[in-house]
C-alpha atoms as a PDB file:
ATOM      1  CA  MET A   1       3.640  25.604  28.461  1.00  0.00           C
ATOM      2  CA  TRP A   2       0.585  23.357  29.522  1.00  0.00           C
ATOM      3  CA  GLU A   3      -1.652  25.247  27.333  1.00  0.00           C
ATOM      4  CA  ARG A   4       0.893  24.947  24.283  1.00  0.00           C
ATOM      5  CA  SER A   5       0.890  21.219  24.821  1.00  0.00           C
ATOM      6  CA  VAL A   6      -2.839  20.743  24.923  1.00  0.00           C
ATOM      7  CA  SER A   7      -3.183  22.838  21.749  1.00  0.00           C
ATOM      8  CA  THR A   8      -0.441  20.725  20.167  1.00  0.00           C
ATOM      9  CA  GLN A   9      -2.108  17.304  21.050  1.00  0.00           C
ATOM     10  CA  ARG A  10      -5.640  18.981  19.657  1.00  0.00           C
ATOM     11  CA  LEU A  11      -3.964  19.716  16.446  1.00  0.00           C
ATOM     12  CA  ALA A  12      -2.656  16.660  15.968  1.00  0.00           C
ATOM     13  CA  ARG A  13      -5.999  14.694  16.588  1.00  0.00           C
ATOM     14  CA  LEU A  14      -7.590  16.890  14.191  1.00  0.00           C
ATOM     15  CA  PHE A  15      -5.162  16.351  11.305  1.00  0.00           C
ATOM     16  CA  LEU A  16      -5.414  12.369  12.199  1.00  0.00           C
ATOM     17  CA  ARG A  17      -9.268  12.437  11.852  1.00  0.00           C
ATOM     18  CA  LEU A  18      -8.692  14.714   8.324  1.00  0.00           C
ATOM     19  CA  GLY A  19      -6.485  11.758   6.926  1.00  0.00           C
ATOM     20  CA  LEU A  20      -3.390  14.188   6.601  1.00  0.00           C
ATOM     21  CA  ALA A  21      -1.658  13.129   9.660  1.00  0.00           C
ATOM     22  CA  THR A  22       1.801  12.421   8.209  1.00  0.00           C
ATOM     23  CA  LEU A  23       2.240  15.416   5.641  1.00  0.00           C
ATOM     24  CA  SER A  24       0.729  17.875   7.972  1.00  0.00           C
ATOM     25  CA  LEU A  25       2.005  17.101  11.173  1.00  0.00           C
ATOM     26  CA  GLN A  26       5.719  16.885   9.954  1.00  0.00           C
ATOM     27  CA  ALA A  27       4.807  20.500   8.613  1.00  0.00           C
ATOM     28  CA  HIS A  28       4.110  21.703  12.376  1.00  0.00           C
ATOM     29  CA  GLY A  29       7.096  19.657  13.592  1.00  0.00           C
ATOM     30  CA  PHE A  30       5.834  16.459  14.626  1.00  0.00           C
ATOM     31  CA  ARG A  31       7.896  13.329  13.357  1.00  0.00           C
ATOM     32  CA  MET A  32       5.498  10.447  12.371  1.00  0.00           C
ATOM     33  CA  THR A  33       6.495   6.808  11.620  1.00  0.00           C
ATOM     34  CA  ALA A  34       5.642   5.737   8.120  1.00  0.00           C
ATOM     35  CA  LYS A  35       3.273   2.899   7.952  1.00  0.00           C
ATOM     36  CA  ALA A  36       3.834  -0.315   5.825  1.00  0.00           C
ATOM     37  CA  LYS A  37       2.122  -2.835   3.662  1.00  0.00           C
ATOM     38  CA  ILE A  38       3.406  -6.395   3.204  1.00  0.00           C
ATOM     39  CA  CYS A  39       1.956  -7.614   0.110  1.00  0.00           C
ATOM     40  CA  GLY A  40       1.924 -10.786  -1.776  1.00  0.00           C
ATOM     41  CA  LEU A  41       1.198 -13.175   1.405  1.00  0.00           C
ATOM     42  CA  SER A  42       0.497 -16.714   1.119  1.00  0.00           C
ATOM     43  CA  THR A  43       1.695 -18.764   4.062  1.00  0.00           C
ATOM     44  CA  THR A  44       0.606 -18.373   7.664  1.00  0.00           C
ATOM     45  CA  GLU A  45       4.262 -17.809   8.720  1.00  0.00           C
ATOM     46  CA  ALA A  46       4.415 -14.548   6.405  1.00  0.00           C
ATOM     47  CA  VAL A  47       1.189 -13.314   7.900  1.00  0.00           C
ATOM     48  CA  ASN A  48       2.135 -13.804  11.485  1.00  0.00           C
ATOM     49  CA  ALA A  49       5.734 -12.056  10.779  1.00  0.00           C
ATOM     50  CA  ALA A  50       3.887  -9.186   9.042  1.00  0.00           C
ATOM     51  CA  LEU A  51       1.490  -8.737  12.148  1.00  0.00           C
ATOM     52  CA  ALA A  52       4.329  -9.306  14.523  1.00  0.00           C
ATOM     53  CA  GLY A  53       6.344  -6.520  12.945  1.00  0.00           C
ATOM     54  CA  GLY A  54       3.535  -4.102  13.127  1.00  0.00           C
ATOM     55  CA  ALA A  55       2.466  -3.976   9.485  1.00  0.00           C
ATOM     56  CA  ALA A  56      -0.650  -1.614   9.158  1.00  0.00           C
ATOM     57  CA  LEU A  57      -1.616  -3.646   5.932  1.00  0.00           C
ATOM     58  CA  ILE A  58      -1.542  -6.839   4.491  1.00  0.00           C
ATOM     59  CA  GLY A  59      -2.314  -7.878   0.661  1.00  0.00           C
ATOM     60  CA  PHE A  60      -3.156 -10.867  -0.715  1.00  0.00           C
ATOM     61  CA  VAL A  61      -2.912 -11.267  -4.524  1.00  0.00           C
ATOM     62  CA  PHE A  62      -5.746 -12.356  -7.099  1.00  0.00           C
ATOM     63  CA  PHE A  63      -3.807 -12.321 -10.373  1.00  0.00           C
ATOM     64  CA  GLU A  64      -3.333 -15.343 -12.510  1.00  0.00           C
ATOM     65  CA  ALA A  65       0.252 -14.181 -13.706  1.00  0.00           C
ATOM     66  CA  SER A  66       1.496 -13.563 -10.463  1.00  0.00           C
ATOM     67  CA  PRO A  67       3.611 -16.276  -8.240  1.00  0.00           C
ATOM     68  CA  ARG A  68       1.954 -14.805  -5.240  1.00  0.00           C
ATOM     69  CA  ARG A  69      -1.755 -15.692  -6.329  1.00  0.00           C
ATOM     70  CA  VAL A  70      -3.799 -17.242  -3.551  1.00  0.00           C
ATOM     71  CA  SER A  71      -7.601 -18.248  -3.697  1.00  0.00           C
ATOM     72  CA  PRO A  72     -10.224 -15.824  -1.910  1.00  0.00           C
ATOM     73  CA  GLU A  73     -10.776 -18.928   0.279  1.00  0.00           C
ATOM     74  CA  ASP A  74      -7.136 -19.456   1.194  1.00  0.00           C
ATOM     75  CA  ALA A  75      -6.753 -15.258   1.661  1.00  0.00           C
ATOM     76  CA  ALA A  76      -9.861 -15.679   4.143  1.00  0.00           C
ATOM     77  CA  ARG A  77      -8.250 -18.317   6.072  1.00  0.00           C
ATOM     78  CA  LEU A  78      -4.762 -16.582   6.227  1.00  0.00           C
ATOM     79  CA  ALA A  79      -6.509 -13.075   7.147  1.00  0.00           C
ATOM     80  CA  LEU A  80      -8.260 -14.487  10.323  1.00  0.00           C
ATOM     81  CA  PRO A  81      -5.650 -13.516  12.769  1.00  0.00           C
ATOM     82  CA  ALA A  82      -5.458  -9.995  11.000  1.00  0.00           C
ATOM     83  CA  ARG A  83      -9.215  -9.042  11.560  1.00  0.00           C
ATOM     84  CA  GLY A  84      -8.735  -5.787  13.885  1.00  0.00           C
ATOM     85  CA  ALA A  85      -5.127  -5.702  13.746  1.00  0.00           C
ATOM     86  CA  ALA A  86      -4.179  -4.917  10.257  1.00  0.00           C
ATOM     87  CA  GLN A  87      -6.039  -3.973   7.140  1.00  0.00           C
ATOM     88  CA  ILE A  88      -6.682  -6.706   4.719  1.00  0.00           C
ATOM     89  CA  VAL A  89      -6.190  -5.561   1.139  1.00  0.00           C
ATOM     90  CA  ALA A  90      -7.234  -7.563  -2.221  1.00  0.00           C
ATOM     91  CA  VAL A  91      -4.737  -6.835  -4.793  1.00  0.00           C
ATOM     92  CA  THR A  92      -6.389  -7.010  -8.517  1.00  0.00           C
ATOM     93  CA  VAL A  93      -5.794  -6.406 -11.855  1.00  0.00           C
ATOM     94  CA  ASP A  94      -8.474  -5.258 -14.138  1.00  0.00           C
ATOM     95  CA  PRO A  95     -10.963  -7.077 -12.248  1.00  0.00           C
ATOM     96  CA  ASP A  96     -14.428  -8.289 -13.582  1.00  0.00           C
ATOM     97  CA  ASP A  97     -17.403  -7.968 -11.553  1.00  0.00           C
ATOM     98  CA  SER A  98     -17.635 -11.675 -10.737  1.00  0.00           C
ATOM     99  CA  LEU A  99     -14.017 -11.685  -9.241  1.00  0.00           C
ATOM    100  CA  ILE A 100     -14.948  -8.459  -7.186  1.00  0.00           C
ATOM    101  CA  ASP A 101     -18.354 -10.301  -6.070  1.00  0.00           C
ATOM    102  CA  ARG A 102     -16.419 -13.222  -4.951  1.00  0.00           C
ATOM    103  CA  LEU A 103     -13.960 -11.476  -2.754  1.00  0.00           C
ATOM    104  CA  THR A 104     -16.227  -8.937  -1.237  1.00  0.00           C
ATOM    105  CA  ALA A 105     -18.374 -12.210  -0.297  1.00  0.00           C
ATOM    106  CA  VAL A 106     -15.303 -14.739   0.830  1.00  0.00           C
ATOM    107  CA  LEU A 107     -12.473 -12.548   1.983  1.00  0.00           C
ATOM    108  CA  LYS A 108     -14.368  -9.329   2.947  1.00  0.00           C
ATOM    109  CA  PRO A 109     -11.397  -7.047   2.529  1.00  0.00           C
ATOM    110  CA  ASP A 110     -10.987  -3.526   3.967  1.00  0.00           C
ATOM    111  CA  LEU A 111      -9.769  -2.292   0.670  1.00  0.00           C
ATOM    112  CA  ILE A 112      -9.486  -3.533  -2.815  1.00  0.00           C
ATOM    113  CA  GLN A 113      -6.152  -2.453  -4.822  1.00  0.00           C
ATOM    114  CA  LEU A 114      -6.623  -1.764  -8.494  1.00  0.00           C
ATOM    115  CA  HIS A 115      -3.219  -2.612 -10.085  1.00  0.00           C
ATOM    116  CA  GLY A 116      -4.207  -2.664 -13.857  1.00  0.00           C
ATOM    117  CA  ARG A 117      -5.495  -0.346 -16.262  1.00  0.00           C
ATOM    118  CA  GLU A 118      -8.757   0.872 -14.630  1.00  0.00           C
ATOM    119  CA  ALA A 119     -10.070   4.092 -15.728  1.00  0.00           C
ATOM    120  CA  PRO A 120     -11.218   6.594 -13.031  1.00  0.00           C
ATOM    121  CA  ALA A 121     -14.743   5.660 -14.231  1.00  0.00           C
ATOM    122  CA  ARG A 122     -14.217   2.205 -13.316  1.00  0.00           C
ATOM    123  CA  VAL A 123     -12.530   2.866 -10.071  1.00  0.00           C
ATOM    124  CA  GLN A 124     -15.347   5.190  -8.965  1.00  0.00           C
ATOM    125  CA  GLU A 125     -18.078   2.412 -10.160  1.00  0.00           C
ATOM    126  CA  ILE A 126     -16.194  -0.356  -7.936  1.00  0.00           C
ATOM    127  CA  ARG A 127     -15.951   2.160  -5.052  1.00  0.00           C
ATOM    128  CA  GLU A 128     -19.573   2.932  -5.046  1.00  0.00           C
ATOM    129  CA  ARG A 129     -21.129  -0.329  -6.392  1.00  0.00           C
ATOM    130  CA  TRP A 130     -19.523  -2.670  -3.767  1.00  0.00           C
ATOM    131  CA  GLY A 131     -19.036   0.149  -0.984  1.00  0.00           C
ATOM    132  CA  THR A 132     -15.468  -0.568  -0.709  1.00  0.00           C
ATOM    133  CA  ARG A 133     -12.575   1.328  -0.420  1.00  0.00           C
ATOM    134  CA  VAL A 134      -9.903   1.372  -2.742  1.00  0.00           C
ATOM    135  CA  ILE A 135      -6.292   1.783  -3.508  1.00  0.00           C
ATOM    136  CA  LYS A 136      -5.532   2.732  -7.312  1.00  0.00           C
ATOM    137  CA  ALA A 137      -1.854   1.981  -8.273  1.00  0.00           C
ATOM    138  CA  VAL A 138      -0.338   4.305 -10.738  1.00  0.00           C
ATOM    139  CA  PRO A 139       2.579   3.251 -12.733  1.00  0.00           C
ATOM    140  CA  ILE A 140       5.513   5.758 -12.438  1.00  0.00           C
ATOM    141  CA  SER A 141       8.526   6.716 -14.525  1.00  0.00           C
ATOM    142  CA  ASP A 142       8.649  10.426 -14.327  1.00  0.00           C
ATOM    143  CA  SER A 143       7.208  13.529 -12.894  1.00  0.00           C
ATOM    144  CA  ARG A 144       4.458  13.403 -15.675  1.00  0.00           C
ATOM    145  CA  ASP A 145       3.091  10.099 -14.374  1.00  0.00           C
ATOM    146  CA  VAL A 146       3.065  11.713 -10.980  1.00  0.00           C
ATOM    147  CA  ASP A 147       0.811  14.325 -12.636  1.00  0.00           C
ATOM    148  CA  ALA A 148      -1.296  11.990 -14.352  1.00  0.00           C
ATOM    149  CA  ALA A 149      -2.382  10.395 -11.342  1.00  0.00           C
ATOM    150  CA  THR A 150      -4.353  13.362 -10.062  1.00  0.00           C
ATOM    151  CA  ALA A 151      -7.120  12.127 -12.180  1.00  0.00           C
ATOM    152  CA  TYR A 152      -7.666   9.447  -9.338  1.00  0.00           C
ATOM    153  CA  GLU A 153      -7.774  11.535  -6.475  1.00  0.00           C
ATOM    154  CA  ALA A 154     -11.394  12.243  -6.636  1.00  0.00           C
ATOM    155  CA  VAL A 155     -12.702   8.406  -7.272  1.00  0.00           C
ATOM    156  CA  SER A 156     -10.146   6.436  -4.826  1.00  0.00           C
ATOM    157  CA  ASP A 157      -9.282   6.579  -1.190  1.00  0.00           C
ATOM    158  CA  HIS A 158      -5.737   5.636  -1.588  1.00  0.00           C
ATOM    159  CA  LEU A 159      -3.126   6.199  -4.116  1.00  0.00           C
ATOM    160  CA  MET A 160      -0.152   4.060  -4.753  1.00  0.00           C
ATOM    161  CA  PHE A 161       2.842   4.798  -6.951  1.00  0.00           C
ATOM    162  CA  ASP A 162       4.637   1.963  -8.251  1.00  0.00           C
ATOM    163  CA  ALA A 163       7.377   1.659 -10.740  1.00  0.00           C
ATOM    164  CA  ARG A 164       6.273   1.186 -14.316  1.00  0.00           C
ATOM    165  CA  PRO A 165       7.213  -2.380 -15.121  1.00  0.00           C
ATOM    166  CA  PRO A 166       9.827  -2.981 -17.834  1.00  0.00           C
ATOM    167  CA  ILE A 167       8.807  -3.511 -21.116  1.00  0.00           C
ATOM    168  CA  GLY A 168       7.690  -7.383 -21.744  1.00  0.00           C
ATOM    169  CA  ALA A 169       6.947  -7.897 -18.154  1.00  0.00           C
ATOM    170  CA  ASP A 170       4.064 -10.304 -17.537  1.00  0.00           C
ATOM    171  CA  ARG A 171       2.478  -8.663 -14.487  1.00  0.00           C
ATOM    172  CA  PRO A 172       2.131  -4.873 -13.567  1.00  0.00           C
ATOM    173  CA  GLY A 173       3.634  -5.092 -10.108  1.00  0.00           C
ATOM    174  CA  GLY A 174       5.988  -7.107  -7.956  1.00  0.00           C
ATOM    175  CA  VAL A 175       8.928  -7.199 -10.251  1.00  0.00           C
ATOM    176  CA  GLY A 176      11.432  -5.485  -8.288  1.00  0.00           C
ATOM    177  CA  ALA A 177      11.574  -2.330 -10.450  1.00  0.00           C
ATOM    178  CA  ARG A 178      11.942   1.244  -8.910  1.00  0.00           C
ATOM    179  CA  PHE A 179      11.953   4.756  -9.787  1.00  0.00           C
ATOM    180  CA  ASP A 180      13.417   8.210  -8.812  1.00  0.00           C
ATOM    181  CA  TRP A 181      11.761   8.714  -5.562  1.00  0.00           C
ATOM    182  CA  GLU A 182      12.768  12.537  -5.886  1.00  0.00           C
ATOM    183  CA  VAL A 183       9.758  12.689  -8.081  1.00  0.00           C
ATOM    184  CA  LEU A 184       7.211  12.472  -5.195  1.00  0.00           C
ATOM    185  CA  SER A 185       9.342  14.970  -3.047  1.00  0.00           C
ATOM    186  CA  GLY A 186       7.402  17.975  -2.061  1.00  0.00           C
ATOM    187  CA  ARG A 187       4.447  16.762  -3.971  1.00  0.00           C
ATOM    188  CA  ARG A 188       0.738  17.138  -2.002  1.00  0.00           C
ATOM    189  CA  PHE A 189      -2.131  14.812  -2.863  1.00  0.00           C
ATOM    190  CA  ALA A 190      -5.831  14.845  -1.682  1.00  0.00           C
ATOM    191  CA  ARG A 191      -5.515  11.040  -0.689  1.00  0.00           C
ATOM    192  CA  PRO A 192      -2.991   9.304   1.552  1.00  0.00           C
ATOM    193  CA  TRP A 193      -0.799   7.490  -0.563  1.00  0.00           C
ATOM    194  CA  LEU A 194       1.910   4.712  -0.841  1.00  0.00           C
ATOM    195  CA  LEU A 195       5.324   4.213  -2.311  1.00  0.00           C
ATOM    196  CA  ALA A 196       6.065   1.024  -3.935  1.00  0.00           C
ATOM    197  CA  GLY A 197       8.462  -0.617  -6.498  1.00  0.00           C
ATOM    198  CA  GLY A 198      11.906  -2.204  -5.656  1.00  0.00           C
ATOM    199  CA  LEU A 199      11.856  -1.616  -1.991  1.00  0.00           C
ATOM    200  CA  ASP A 200      13.747  -3.973   0.406  1.00  0.00           C
ATOM    201  CA  PRO A 201      15.088  -3.553   4.115  1.00  0.00           C
ATOM    202  CA  TRP A 202      18.243  -1.803   2.793  1.00  0.00           C
ATOM    203  CA  ASN A 203      16.621   0.983   0.858  1.00  0.00           C
ATOM    204  CA  VAL A 204      13.420   1.567   2.449  1.00  0.00           C
ATOM    205  CA  GLY A 205      14.690   3.972   5.055  1.00  0.00           C
ATOM    206  CA  GLU A 206      16.141   6.128   2.012  1.00  0.00           C
ATOM    207  CA  ALA A 207      13.229   5.735  -0.053  1.00  0.00           C
ATOM    208  CA  ILE A 208      10.947   7.180   2.882  1.00  0.00           C
ATOM    209  CA  SER A 209      13.421  10.082   3.383  1.00  0.00           C
ATOM    210  CA  GLN A 210      13.725  11.172  -0.345  1.00  0.00           C
ATOM    211  CA  ALA A 211      10.183  10.724  -1.314  1.00  0.00           C
ATOM    212  CA  LYS A 212       8.403  11.875   2.152  1.00  0.00           C
ATOM    213  CA  ALA A 213       6.050   8.821   1.762  1.00  0.00           C
ATOM    214  CA  PRO A 214       3.692   7.913   4.773  1.00  0.00           C
ATOM    215  CA  MET A 215       3.367   4.620   3.678  1.00  0.00           C
ATOM    216  CA  VAL A 216       5.197   2.019   1.806  1.00  0.00           C
ATOM    217  CA  ASP A 217       4.571  -1.472   0.066  1.00  0.00           C
ATOM    218  CA  VAL A 218       6.828  -4.108  -0.316  1.00  0.00           C
ATOM    219  CA  SER A 219       6.497  -7.864  -2.088  1.00  0.00           C
ATOM    220  CA  SER A 220       9.250  -9.086  -3.992  1.00  0.00           C
ATOM    221  CA  GLY A 221      11.832  -7.226  -1.470  1.00  0.00           C
ATOM    222  CA  VAL A 222      11.153  -9.435   1.379  1.00  0.00           C
ATOM    223  CA  GLU A 223      11.367 -12.807  -0.500  1.00  0.00           C
ATOM    224  CA  ARG A 224      13.912 -15.705  -0.965  1.00  0.00           C
ATOM    225  CA  GLY A 225      12.447 -16.666  -4.307  1.00  0.00           C
ATOM    226  CA  PRO A 226       9.789 -15.668  -6.563  1.00  0.00           C
ATOM    227  CA  GLY A 227       6.555 -15.793  -4.416  1.00  0.00           C
ATOM    228  CA  LEU A 228       8.157 -17.058  -1.429  1.00  0.00           C
ATOM    229  CA  LYS A 229       8.281 -14.749   1.466  1.00  0.00           C
ATOM    230  CA  ASP A 230      10.903 -14.881   4.095  1.00  0.00           C
ATOM    231  CA  PRO A 231       9.535 -14.007   7.367  1.00  0.00           C
ATOM    232  CA  ALA A 232      13.009 -12.690   8.676  1.00  0.00           C
ATOM    233  CA  LEU A 233      13.359 -10.243   5.377  1.00  0.00           C
ATOM    234  CA  ILE A 234       9.735  -8.983   6.653  1.00  0.00           C
ATOM    235  CA  SER A 235      10.776  -8.327  10.265  1.00  0.00           C
ATOM    236  CA  THR A 236      13.808  -6.588   8.968  1.00  0.00           C
ATOM    237  CA  PHE A 237      11.934  -4.592   6.590  1.00  0.00           C
ATOM    238  CA  LEU A 238       9.375  -3.533   9.305  1.00  0.00           C
ATOM    239  CA  GLU A 239      12.095  -2.563  11.615  1.00  0.00           C
ATOM    240  CA  ALA A 240      13.825  -0.320   9.115  1.00  0.00           C
ATOM    241  CA  VAL A 241      10.430   1.528   8.456  1.00  0.00           C
ATOM    242  CA  SER A 242       9.974   2.100  12.367  1.00  0.00           C
ATOM    243  CA  ARG A 243      13.697   3.772  12.352  1.00  0.00           C
ATOM    244  CA  ALA A 244      12.983   5.672   9.109  1.00  0.00           C
END
């Protein structure tokens, strides 16, 4: 029994180092809690709620059309208590070089999220030129979109599967849209991935169960109005993730 316990502990550490913890450990009978990213933060109260609830990642948005947009300077101030406690994500949409220069100099994010129409070559350029880890968001309507996401596996560090926004939407994410989570069930990817789109404290448990998501991302689902994060909803969401 002792030898089996040691063996399983070593196996767990190995899978964690390989970055395949959730999927591989589940296959060997381990239960892993999904990680959560709280996105679109703009107040100290919201950041504190995310950190107190155990969010693994927090995101700041740098896109003009978003009601959650903040400046790199404000984001750097808000992110101070998160250093060493959660990974800081700069959320961008088709960013130009000058914006990335500014973000890496002022905010110094752990990851840059690319939520636009960036081609794989641009994703690779950003990752290599600025030496930063990258999350590439992919809009999903059906399984064909999931198949197309494989083009980004070799050039990104994480994938994000977000609902394709409705026709006429003025931004590519954060609009509360969702897709059929079942299209991700049973799929395997070379990179860790996040599920996004229409999640809230009341459906995130079901979403994790259906998609077998190792990480989830929420923005509008923890707001009391456009861009207005509700600390109580953030806490409730993170509690629901921990129970899933």
